[in-house]
Amino acid sequence: MPLDISARFSFRLERPSDILLQFEVANIPEQRVTNARTHMSEVMHMARVPSQEDIGERIWLRGEGEIEVDYSAHVTVQRSVPDIEGLAAMDPHALPGEAVQYLFDSRYCQADRMQSFVQSRFGELQGGAKVAAISRWIAEEIAYEPGSSNTSTSATDTFVERRGICRDFAHVMIALARAATIPARYVSCFAPGVTPQDFHAVAEVFLADPDTPGGGAWYMVDPTGMADPANTAKIGVGRDAADVSFMTVFGLATFGVHDVHVRLAD
C-alpha cells in the first residue's frame, strides 16, 4: 500500500543543547521508502546512528536557537497481515533472544502488576486469540481523549483512569500482553486515518509464524482501531515510548510548529 507522508516541526533552544530525533520512516523489508527528503536548519553538529533493533535511524543534533525540521517521503508498505486470532503463542523457552527483552517490565509498562487481571479476565484464551481479546477490551474500556495524559503517564495510570491517547493505548496493550507472557514492544509510526493526524503509536506482539515451523514473527496491534497494519509505516521500535520518542532533548527546549500529514497515495 503506497503512502505519502510529510512532517514538519520546530523548536527553540535557549542555549547549546543536544537533541536526539527519530521521525523518518525506516527502510526495512516490510516497507520500501522512496523519494525521501529531510531538511533542517543549520546546526552545530548532526550525525546519524542506528535505532533500536536496527529499525530506522536516529539523528543527533547539537544546536542553539530556532531549529526547523521538514520531512517528506513516499512509502510502499508490503507487510503480510494474517488473522492474528488464529496465531499460536510461543513457549517462553522457545523464544529467540531478540524477543526475550520484551517480556520484562519497562519504564511505562509495568507488566508484573497486571498479571492477576490478565489471568482472571483472559486466562482461558491462548496466543493470538488472547491478544485480540485484550485489544478489544482496551478499545471498549478506555476512552481516547487528546490531552488526557502527559509524558509521565504509565500503563498503570491509564488502566486506572480509563482514558488516554495512542501512546497510552499502546502501553496498556504492551503491559497486558507481557503479563500474559507474550513479548510485546512499542512501535512509533505513521498511518492514514489517525485523528487528529500526528505521529502515531501501536503495539507489536511476538507470536508463532505459521510459515516458519518453530519460528515466530512480530505482528502489529492497534487498540485505538485507527491504524491498519497493511498501510502503517514504521518509524522505530522499543520497549516503550521512552525508546522511540520523535524528539528527546538533553536540555531545555520550547516546542513550536507541529504538522503531520499521511495519505494513501494515488
C-alpha atoms as a PDB file:
ATOM      1  CA  MET A   1       0.000   0.000   0.000  1.00  0.00           C
ATOM      2  CA  PRO A   2       1.632   3.314  -1.081  1.00  0.00           C
ATOM      3  CA  LEU A   3       1.644   6.278   1.313  1.00  0.00           C
ATOM      4  CA  ASP A   4       2.663   9.913   1.008  1.00  0.00           C
ATOM      5  CA  ILE A   5       3.986  11.266   4.303  1.00  0.00           C
ATOM      6  CA  SER A   6       5.077  14.719   5.453  1.00  0.00           C
ATOM      7  CA  ALA A   7       6.048  16.021   8.864  1.00  0.00           C
ATOM      8  CA  ARG A   8       7.152  19.485   9.874  1.00  0.00           C
ATOM      9  CA  PHE A   9       8.073  20.677  13.352  1.00  0.00           C
ATOM     10  CA  SER A  10      10.204  23.293  15.041  1.00  0.00           C
ATOM     11  CA  PHE A  11      11.668  24.025  18.451  1.00  0.00           C
ATOM     12  CA  ARG A  12      13.802  26.667  20.121  1.00  0.00           C
ATOM     13  CA  LEU A  13      16.884  26.021  22.257  1.00  0.00           C
ATOM     14  CA  GLU A  14      17.881  28.858  24.579  1.00  0.00           C
ATOM     15  CA  ARG A  15      21.446  27.563  24.902  1.00  0.00           C
ATOM     16  CA  PRO A  16      23.598  24.983  23.065  1.00  0.00           C
ATOM     17  CA  SER A  17      21.952  21.595  23.653  1.00  0.00           C
ATOM     18  CA  ASP A  18      21.920  18.043  22.300  1.00  0.00           C
ATOM     19  CA  ILE A  19      18.764  16.623  20.690  1.00  0.00           C
ATOM     20  CA  LEU A  20      18.035  13.057  19.585  1.00  0.00           C
ATOM     21  CA  LEU A  21      15.428  12.814  16.804  1.00  0.00           C
ATOM     22  CA  GLN A  22      13.625   9.813  15.342  1.00  0.00           C
ATOM     23  CA  PHE A  23      10.945  10.773  12.830  1.00  0.00           C
ATOM     24  CA  GLU A  24      11.900   9.222   9.468  1.00  0.00           C
ATOM     25  CA  VAL A  25      10.250   6.065   8.136  1.00  0.00           C
ATOM     26  CA  ALA A  26      12.503   3.018   8.485  1.00  0.00           C
ATOM     27  CA  ASN A  27      13.673   1.472   5.220  1.00  0.00           C
ATOM     28  CA  ILE A  28      13.175  -2.233   6.033  1.00  0.00           C
ATOM     29  CA  PRO A  29      11.959  -5.281   4.052  1.00  0.00           C
ATOM     30  CA  GLU A  30       8.289  -4.835   5.013  1.00  0.00           C
ATOM     31  CA  GLN A  31       8.228  -1.248   3.692  1.00  0.00           C
ATOM     32  CA  ARG A  32      10.121   0.427   0.875  1.00  0.00           C
ATOM     33  CA  VAL A  33      10.961   4.126   1.149  1.00  0.00           C
ATOM     34  CA  THR A  34      11.431   6.263  -1.976  1.00  0.00           C
ATOM     35  CA  ASN A  35      11.694   9.991  -2.636  1.00  0.00           C
ATOM     36  CA  ALA A  36      12.570  10.690   0.999  1.00  0.00           C
ATOM     37  CA  ARG A  37      13.751  14.193   1.856  1.00  0.00           C
ATOM     38  CA  THR A  38      14.804  15.687   5.187  1.00  0.00           C
ATOM     39  CA  HIS A  39      15.662  19.356   5.502  1.00  0.00           C
ATOM     40  CA  MET A  40      16.574  21.103   8.721  1.00  0.00           C
ATOM     41  CA  SER A  41      18.059  24.347   9.923  1.00  0.00           C
ATOM     42  CA  GLU A  42      21.814  24.683  10.138  1.00  0.00           C
ATOM     43  CA  VAL A  43      23.119  23.271  13.419  1.00  0.00           C
ATOM     44  CA  MET A  44      26.463  22.895  15.170  1.00  0.00           C
ATOM     45  CA  HIS A  45      26.563  19.124  14.729  1.00  0.00           C
ATOM     46  CA  MET A  46      24.499  16.397  13.041  1.00  0.00           C
ATOM     47  CA  ALA A  47      25.137  12.637  12.934  1.00  0.00           C
ATOM     48  CA  ARG A  48      23.021   9.584  12.109  1.00  0.00           C
ATOM     49  CA  VAL A  49      23.121   6.489  14.326  1.00  0.00           C
ATOM     50  CA  PRO A  50      21.235   3.166  14.116  1.00  0.00           C
ATOM     51  CA  SER A  51      17.991   2.863  16.051  1.00  0.00           C
ATOM     52  CA  GLN A  52      16.915   0.010  18.310  1.00  0.00           C
ATOM     53  CA  GLU A  53      16.833  -3.389  16.542  1.00  0.00           C
ATOM     54  CA  ASP A  54      18.392  -1.574  13.537  1.00  0.00           C
ATOM     55  CA  ILE A  55      14.899  -0.451  12.536  1.00  0.00           C
ATOM     56  CA  GLY A  56      15.331   3.075  11.252  1.00  0.00           C
ATOM     57  CA  GLU A  57      17.851   5.716  12.254  1.00  0.00           C
ATOM     58  CA  ARG A  58      18.175   8.349  14.930  1.00  0.00           C
ATOM     59  CA  ILE A  59      19.662  11.782  14.281  1.00  0.00           C
ATOM     60  CA  TRP A  60      21.895  13.502  16.821  1.00  0.00           C
ATOM     61  CA  LEU A  61      21.840  17.281  16.677  1.00  0.00           C
ATOM     62  CA  ARG A  62      23.625  19.919  18.671  1.00  0.00           C
ATOM     63  CA  GLY A  63      22.268  23.374  18.187  1.00  0.00           C
ATOM     64  CA  GLU A  64      21.008  26.635  19.600  1.00  0.00           C
ATOM     65  CA  GLY A  65      18.161  28.996  18.751  1.00  0.00           C
ATOM     66  CA  GLU A  66      15.296  28.225  16.362  1.00  0.00           C
ATOM     67  CA  ILE A  67      15.515  24.867  14.581  1.00  0.00           C
ATOM     68  CA  GLU A  68      13.054  23.693  11.929  1.00  0.00           C
ATOM     69  CA  VAL A  69      12.704  20.170  10.521  1.00  0.00           C
ATOM     70  CA  ASP A  70      10.842  19.350   7.296  1.00  0.00           C
ATOM     71  CA  TYR A  71      10.450  15.718   6.176  1.00  0.00           C
ATOM     72  CA  SER A  72       8.606  14.005   3.326  1.00  0.00           C
ATOM     73  CA  ALA A  73       8.634  10.504   1.869  1.00  0.00           C
ATOM     74  CA  HIS A  74       6.784   8.096  -0.384  1.00  0.00           C
ATOM     75  CA  VAL A  75       6.472   4.667   1.236  1.00  0.00           C
ATOM     76  CA  THR A  76       5.182   1.377  -0.138  1.00  0.00           C
ATOM     77  CA  VAL A  77       4.067  -0.938   2.654  1.00  0.00           C
ATOM     78  CA  GLN A  78       4.336  -4.626   1.749  1.00  0.00           C
ATOM     79  CA  ARG A  79       3.627  -6.242   5.103  1.00  0.00           C
ATOM     80  CA  SER A  80       1.903  -9.609   5.463  1.00  0.00           C
ATOM     81  CA  VAL A  81      -1.148  -9.222   7.723  1.00  0.00           C
ATOM     82  CA  PRO A  82      -2.557 -12.587   8.841  1.00  0.00           C
ATOM     83  CA  ASP A  83      -5.607 -13.008  11.069  1.00  0.00           C
ATOM     84  CA  ILE A  84      -3.975 -12.570  14.461  1.00  0.00           C
ATOM     85  CA  GLU A  85      -6.656 -14.565  16.301  1.00  0.00           C
ATOM     86  CA  GLY A  86      -5.516 -17.740  14.573  1.00  0.00           C
ATOM     87  CA  LEU A  87      -1.852 -17.442  15.608  1.00  0.00           C
ATOM     88  CA  ALA A  88      -0.376 -19.538  18.393  1.00  0.00           C
ATOM     89  CA  ALA A  89       1.780 -18.298  21.258  1.00  0.00           C
ATOM     90  CA  MET A  90       5.361 -19.465  21.657  1.00  0.00           C
ATOM     91  CA  ASP A  91       6.575 -21.129  24.833  1.00  0.00           C
ATOM     92  CA  PRO A  92       8.988 -18.810  26.661  1.00  0.00           C
ATOM     93  CA  HIS A  93      11.863 -21.300  26.357  1.00  0.00           C
ATOM     94  CA  ALA A  94      11.405 -21.298  22.549  1.00  0.00           C
ATOM     95  CA  LEU A  95      11.676 -17.517  22.157  1.00  0.00           C
ATOM     96  CA  PRO A  96      14.648 -16.094  20.231  1.00  0.00           C
ATOM     97  CA  GLY A  97      16.971 -13.707  22.041  1.00  0.00           C
ATOM     98  CA  GLU A  98      15.576 -10.653  20.238  1.00  0.00           C
ATOM     99  CA  ALA A  99      12.136 -11.227  21.758  1.00  0.00           C
ATOM    100  CA  VAL A 100      13.107 -12.054  25.344  1.00  0.00           C
ATOM    101  CA  GLN A 101      13.743  -8.450  26.451  1.00  0.00           C
ATOM    102  CA  TYR A 102      10.159  -7.593  25.521  1.00  0.00           C
ATOM    103  CA  LEU A 103       8.780  -9.869  28.248  1.00  0.00           C
ATOM    104  CA  PHE A 104      10.170  -7.639  31.010  1.00  0.00           C
ATOM    105  CA  ASP A 105       8.806  -4.544  32.703  1.00  0.00           C
ATOM    106  CA  SER A 106       9.944  -1.206  31.300  1.00  0.00           C
ATOM    107  CA  ARG A 107       9.597   2.435  32.320  1.00  0.00           C
ATOM    108  CA  TYR A 108       5.991   2.865  31.158  1.00  0.00           C
ATOM    109  CA  CYS A 109       4.801  -0.760  31.061  1.00  0.00           C
ATOM    110  CA  GLN A 110       4.614  -2.431  34.468  1.00  0.00           C
ATOM    111  CA  ALA A 111       3.501  -5.881  33.384  1.00  0.00           C
ATOM    112  CA  ASP A 112       4.067  -7.572  36.743  1.00  0.00           C
ATOM    113  CA  ARG A 113       1.230  -5.531  38.268  1.00  0.00           C
ATOM    114  CA  MET A 114      -1.176  -6.693  35.541  1.00  0.00           C
ATOM    115  CA  GLN A 115      -0.741 -10.462  35.877  1.00  0.00           C
ATOM    116  CA  SER A 116      -3.693 -11.107  38.209  1.00  0.00           C
ATOM    117  CA  PHE A 117      -6.056  -9.120  35.997  1.00  0.00           C
ATOM    118  CA  VAL A 118      -4.901 -10.857  32.810  1.00  0.00           C
ATOM    119  CA  GLN A 119      -5.277 -14.278  34.375  1.00  0.00           C
ATOM    120  CA  SER A 120      -8.777 -13.591  35.716  1.00  0.00           C
ATOM    121  CA  ARG A 121     -10.069 -11.788  32.611  1.00  0.00           C
ATOM    122  CA  PHE A 122      -8.318 -13.592  29.737  1.00  0.00           C
ATOM    123  CA  GLY A 123      -6.929 -16.732  31.336  1.00  0.00           C
ATOM    124  CA  GLU A 124      -8.956 -19.176  29.241  1.00  0.00           C
ATOM    125  CA  LEU A 125      -7.572 -17.789  25.952  1.00  0.00           C
ATOM    126  CA  GLN A 126      -4.256 -18.501  24.234  1.00  0.00           C
ATOM    127  CA  GLY A 127      -1.918 -16.800  21.758  1.00  0.00           C
ATOM    128  CA  GLY A 128      -3.411 -14.512  19.160  1.00  0.00           C
ATOM    129  CA  ALA A 129      -6.938 -15.051  20.493  1.00  0.00           C
ATOM    130  CA  LYS A 130      -5.802 -13.628  23.826  1.00  0.00           C
ATOM    131  CA  VAL A 131      -4.064 -10.686  22.116  1.00  0.00           C
ATOM    132  CA  ALA A 132      -7.212  -9.881  20.114  1.00  0.00           C
ATOM    133  CA  ALA A 133      -9.384 -10.084  23.230  1.00  0.00           C
ATOM    134  CA  ILE A 134      -7.052  -7.761  25.143  1.00  0.00           C
ATOM    135  CA  SER A 135      -7.097  -5.273  22.259  1.00  0.00           C
ATOM    136  CA  ARG A 136     -10.908  -5.317  22.161  1.00  0.00           C
ATOM    137  CA  TRP A 137     -11.084  -4.825  25.922  1.00  0.00           C
ATOM    138  CA  ILE A 138      -8.827  -1.748  25.709  1.00  0.00           C
ATOM    139  CA  ALA A 139     -10.909  -0.295  22.866  1.00  0.00           C
ATOM    140  CA  GLU A 140     -14.124  -0.791  24.850  1.00  0.00           C
ATOM    141  CA  GLU A 141     -12.920   0.218  28.312  1.00  0.00           C
ATOM    142  CA  ILE A 142     -10.518   3.112  27.682  1.00  0.00           C
ATOM    143  CA  ALA A 143     -11.658   6.420  26.199  1.00  0.00           C
ATOM    144  CA  TYR A 144      -9.498   8.121  23.566  1.00  0.00           C
ATOM    145  CA  GLU A 145      -9.115  11.688  24.882  1.00  0.00           C
ATOM    146  CA  PRO A 146      -6.435  14.003  23.445  1.00  0.00           C
ATOM    147  CA  GLY A 147      -4.715  15.955  26.202  1.00  0.00           C
ATOM    148  CA  SER A 148      -5.707  13.481  28.926  1.00  0.00           C
ATOM    149  CA  SER A 149      -2.160  12.229  29.619  1.00  0.00           C
ATOM    150  CA  ASN A 150       1.404  13.504  29.746  1.00  0.00           C
ATOM    151  CA  THR A 151       4.972  12.235  29.472  1.00  0.00           C
ATOM    152  CA  SER A 152       4.850  10.666  32.932  1.00  0.00           C
ATOM    153  CA  THR A 153       1.628   8.667  32.356  1.00  0.00           C
ATOM    154  CA  SER A 154       2.260   4.918  32.586  1.00  0.00           C
ATOM    155  CA  ALA A 155       0.214   1.908  31.525  1.00  0.00           C
ATOM    156  CA  THR A 156      -0.893   1.504  35.140  1.00  0.00           C
ATOM    157  CA  ASP A 157      -2.101   5.117  35.261  1.00  0.00           C
ATOM    158  CA  THR A 158      -4.093   4.663  32.060  1.00  0.00           C
ATOM    159  CA  PHE A 159      -5.520   1.350  33.272  1.00  0.00           C
ATOM    160  CA  VAL A 160      -6.829   3.094  36.398  1.00  0.00           C
ATOM    161  CA  GLU A 161      -8.000   6.354  34.801  1.00  0.00           C
ATOM    162  CA  ARG A 162      -9.517   4.656  31.719  1.00  0.00           C
ATOM    163  CA  ARG A 163      -8.518   7.409  29.271  1.00  0.00           C
ATOM    164  CA  GLY A 164      -5.545   8.313  27.139  1.00  0.00           C
ATOM    165  CA  ILE A 165      -4.121   8.783  23.640  1.00  0.00           C
ATOM    166  CA  CYS A 166      -2.478   6.341  21.204  1.00  0.00           C
ATOM    167  CA  ARG A 167       0.722   6.227  23.263  1.00  0.00           C
ATOM    168  CA  ASP A 168      -1.256   5.171  26.337  1.00  0.00           C
ATOM    169  CA  PHE A 169      -3.355   2.606  24.454  1.00  0.00           C
ATOM    170  CA  ALA A 170      -0.129   1.040  23.158  1.00  0.00           C
ATOM    171  CA  HIS A 171       1.411   0.993  26.629  1.00  0.00           C
ATOM    172  CA  VAL A 172      -1.604  -0.800  28.140  1.00  0.00           C
ATOM    173  CA  MET A 173      -1.611  -3.315  25.266  1.00  0.00           C
ATOM    174  CA  ILE A 174       2.097  -3.982  25.799  1.00  0.00           C
ATOM    175  CA  ALA A 175       1.802  -4.348  29.575  1.00  0.00           C
ATOM    176  CA  LEU A 176      -1.162  -6.735  29.362  1.00  0.00           C
ATOM    177  CA  ALA A 177       0.495  -8.849  26.659  1.00  0.00           C
ATOM    178  CA  ARG A 178       3.720  -9.119  28.657  1.00  0.00           C
ATOM    179  CA  ALA A 179       1.658 -10.055  31.716  1.00  0.00           C
ATOM    180  CA  ALA A 180       0.350 -12.941  29.585  1.00  0.00           C
ATOM    181  CA  THR A 181       3.970 -13.985  28.776  1.00  0.00           C
ATOM    182  CA  ILE A 182       3.674 -12.724  25.205  1.00  0.00           C
ATOM    183  CA  PRO A 183       6.581 -10.468  24.118  1.00  0.00           C
ATOM    184  CA  ALA A 184       5.309  -7.021  23.172  1.00  0.00           C
ATOM    185  CA  ARG A 185       7.001  -3.838  22.038  1.00  0.00           C
ATOM    186  CA  TYR A 186       6.164  -0.230  21.180  1.00  0.00           C
ATOM    187  CA  VAL A 187       6.076   0.964  17.565  1.00  0.00           C
ATOM    188  CA  SER A 188       6.189   4.608  16.521  1.00  0.00           C
ATOM    189  CA  CYS A 189       4.653   5.008  13.090  1.00  0.00           C
ATOM    190  CA  PHE A 190       2.731   6.987  10.502  1.00  0.00           C
ATOM    191  CA  ALA A 191      -0.743   5.868   9.421  1.00  0.00           C
ATOM    192  CA  PRO A 192      -3.584   7.431   7.424  1.00  0.00           C
ATOM    193  CA  GLY A 193      -6.881   7.775   9.241  1.00  0.00           C
ATOM    194  CA  VAL A 194      -5.338   8.807  12.565  1.00  0.00           C
ATOM    195  CA  THR A 195      -7.418  11.548  14.184  1.00  0.00           C
ATOM    196  CA  PRO A 196      -6.039  14.045  14.953  1.00  0.00           C
ATOM    197  CA  GLN A 197      -3.310  13.368  12.370  1.00  0.00           C
ATOM    198  CA  ASP A 198       0.031  13.085  14.120  1.00  0.00           C
ATOM    199  CA  PHE A 199       2.864  10.695  14.865  1.00  0.00           C
ATOM    200  CA  HIS A 200       1.085   7.503  15.927  1.00  0.00           C
ATOM    201  CA  ALA A 201       1.859   4.594  18.253  1.00  0.00           C
ATOM    202  CA  VAL A 202       0.812   0.947  18.128  1.00  0.00           C
ATOM    203  CA  ALA A 203       1.983  -2.281  19.738  1.00  0.00           C
ATOM    204  CA  GLU A 204       3.643  -5.340  18.230  1.00  0.00           C
ATOM    205  CA  VAL A 205       3.399  -8.822  19.716  1.00  0.00           C
ATOM    206  CA  PHE A 206       5.633 -11.804  19.034  1.00  0.00           C
ATOM    207  CA  LEU A 207       3.665 -14.931  18.094  1.00  0.00           C
ATOM    208  CA  ALA A 208       4.305 -18.142  16.167  1.00  0.00           C
ATOM    209  CA  ASP A 209       4.894 -17.730  12.432  1.00  0.00           C
ATOM    210  CA  PRO A 210       2.676 -20.251  10.599  1.00  0.00           C
ATOM    211  CA  ASP A 211       5.065 -20.167   7.626  1.00  0.00           C
ATOM    212  CA  THR A 212       8.171 -20.985   9.679  1.00  0.00           C
ATOM    213  CA  PRO A 213       7.974 -24.181  11.783  1.00  0.00           C
ATOM    214  CA  GLY A 214       9.298 -23.427  15.248  1.00  0.00           C
ATOM    215  CA  GLY A 215       9.738 -19.733  14.417  1.00  0.00           C
ATOM    216  CA  GLY A 216       7.972 -16.536  15.357  1.00  0.00           C
ATOM    217  CA  ALA A 217       7.317 -13.052  13.995  1.00  0.00           C
ATOM    218  CA  TRP A 218       6.143  -9.620  15.094  1.00  0.00           C
ATOM    219  CA  TYR A 219       2.537  -8.602  14.430  1.00  0.00           C
ATOM    220  CA  MET A 220       1.036  -5.125  14.799  1.00  0.00           C
ATOM    221  CA  VAL A 221      -1.945  -4.463  17.054  1.00  0.00           C
ATOM    222  CA  ASP A 222      -3.639  -1.057  17.412  1.00  0.00           C
ATOM    223  CA  PRO A 223      -6.229  -0.913  20.216  1.00  0.00           C
ATOM    224  CA  THR A 224      -7.331   2.563  19.058  1.00  0.00           C
ATOM    225  CA  GLY A 225      -8.584   0.939  15.842  1.00  0.00           C
ATOM    226  CA  MET A 226      -7.243   3.839  13.773  1.00  0.00           C
ATOM    227  CA  ALA A 227      -4.222   2.202  12.100  1.00  0.00           C
ATOM    228  CA  ASP A 228      -4.435  -0.698   9.648  1.00  0.00           C
ATOM    229  CA  PRO A 229      -1.186  -2.727   9.741  1.00  0.00           C
ATOM    230  CA  ALA A 230      -1.395  -3.081   5.954  1.00  0.00           C
ATOM    231  CA  ASN A 231      -0.876   0.668   5.483  1.00  0.00           C
ATOM    232  CA  THR A 232       1.124   1.642   8.569  1.00  0.00           C
ATOM    233  CA  ALA A 233       4.727   2.841   8.135  1.00  0.00           C
ATOM    234  CA  LYS A 234       7.124   2.088  10.978  1.00  0.00           C
ATOM    235  CA  ILE A 235       9.499   4.735  12.283  1.00  0.00           C
ATOM    236  CA  GLY A 236      11.061   2.674  15.056  1.00  0.00           C
ATOM    237  CA  VAL A 237      10.509   0.178  17.857  1.00  0.00           C
ATOM    238  CA  GLY A 238      11.396  -0.048  21.537  1.00  0.00           C
ATOM    239  CA  ARG A 239      10.380  -1.264  24.960  1.00  0.00           C
ATOM    240  CA  ASP A 240       8.013   1.701  25.316  1.00  0.00           C
ATOM    241  CA  ALA A 241       7.715   5.347  24.284  1.00  0.00           C
ATOM    242  CA  ALA A 242      10.943   6.292  26.076  1.00  0.00           C
ATOM    243  CA  ASP A 243      12.926   4.341  23.472  1.00  0.00           C
ATOM    244  CA  VAL A 244      11.304   5.870  20.383  1.00  0.00           C
ATOM    245  CA  SER A 245      10.288   9.427  21.140  1.00  0.00           C
ATOM    246  CA  PHE A 246      10.449  11.501  17.948  1.00  0.00           C
ATOM    247  CA  MET A 247      12.379  14.157  19.912  1.00  0.00           C
ATOM    248  CA  THR A 248      14.436  13.801  23.092  1.00  0.00           C
ATOM    249  CA  VAL A 249      16.099  16.996  24.317  1.00  0.00           C
ATOM    250  CA  PHE A 250      19.078  16.926  26.665  1.00  0.00           C
ATOM    251  CA  GLY A 251      18.468  20.432  27.919  1.00  0.00           C
ATOM    252  CA  LEU A 252      15.611  22.950  27.718  1.00  0.00           C
ATOM    253  CA  ALA A 253      13.513  23.486  24.591  1.00  0.00           C
ATOM    254  CA  THR A 254      10.336  25.281  23.584  1.00  0.00           C
ATOM    255  CA  PHE A 255       8.293  23.373  21.058  1.00  0.00           C
ATOM    256  CA  GLY A 256       6.843  25.329  18.126  1.00  0.00           C
ATOM    257  CA  VAL A 257       5.217  24.288  14.842  1.00  0.00           C
ATOM    258  CA  HIS A 258       3.965  20.695  14.557  1.00  0.00           C
ATOM    259  CA  ASP A 259       2.272  19.480  11.377  1.00  0.00           C
ATOM    260  CA  VAL A 260       1.886  15.868  10.137  1.00  0.00           C
ATOM    261  CA  HIS A 261       0.077  14.564   7.039  1.00  0.00           C
ATOM    262  CA  VAL A 262      -0.302  10.936   5.924  1.00  0.00           C
ATOM    263  CA  ARG A 263      -2.451   9.864   2.982  1.00  0.00           C
ATOM    264  CA  LEU A 264      -2.903   6.911   0.697  1.00  0.00           C
ATOM    265  CA  ALA A 265      -1.028   7.697  -2.495  1.00  0.00           C
ATOM    266  CA  ASP A 266      -2.764   7.641  -5.875  1.00  0.00           C
END
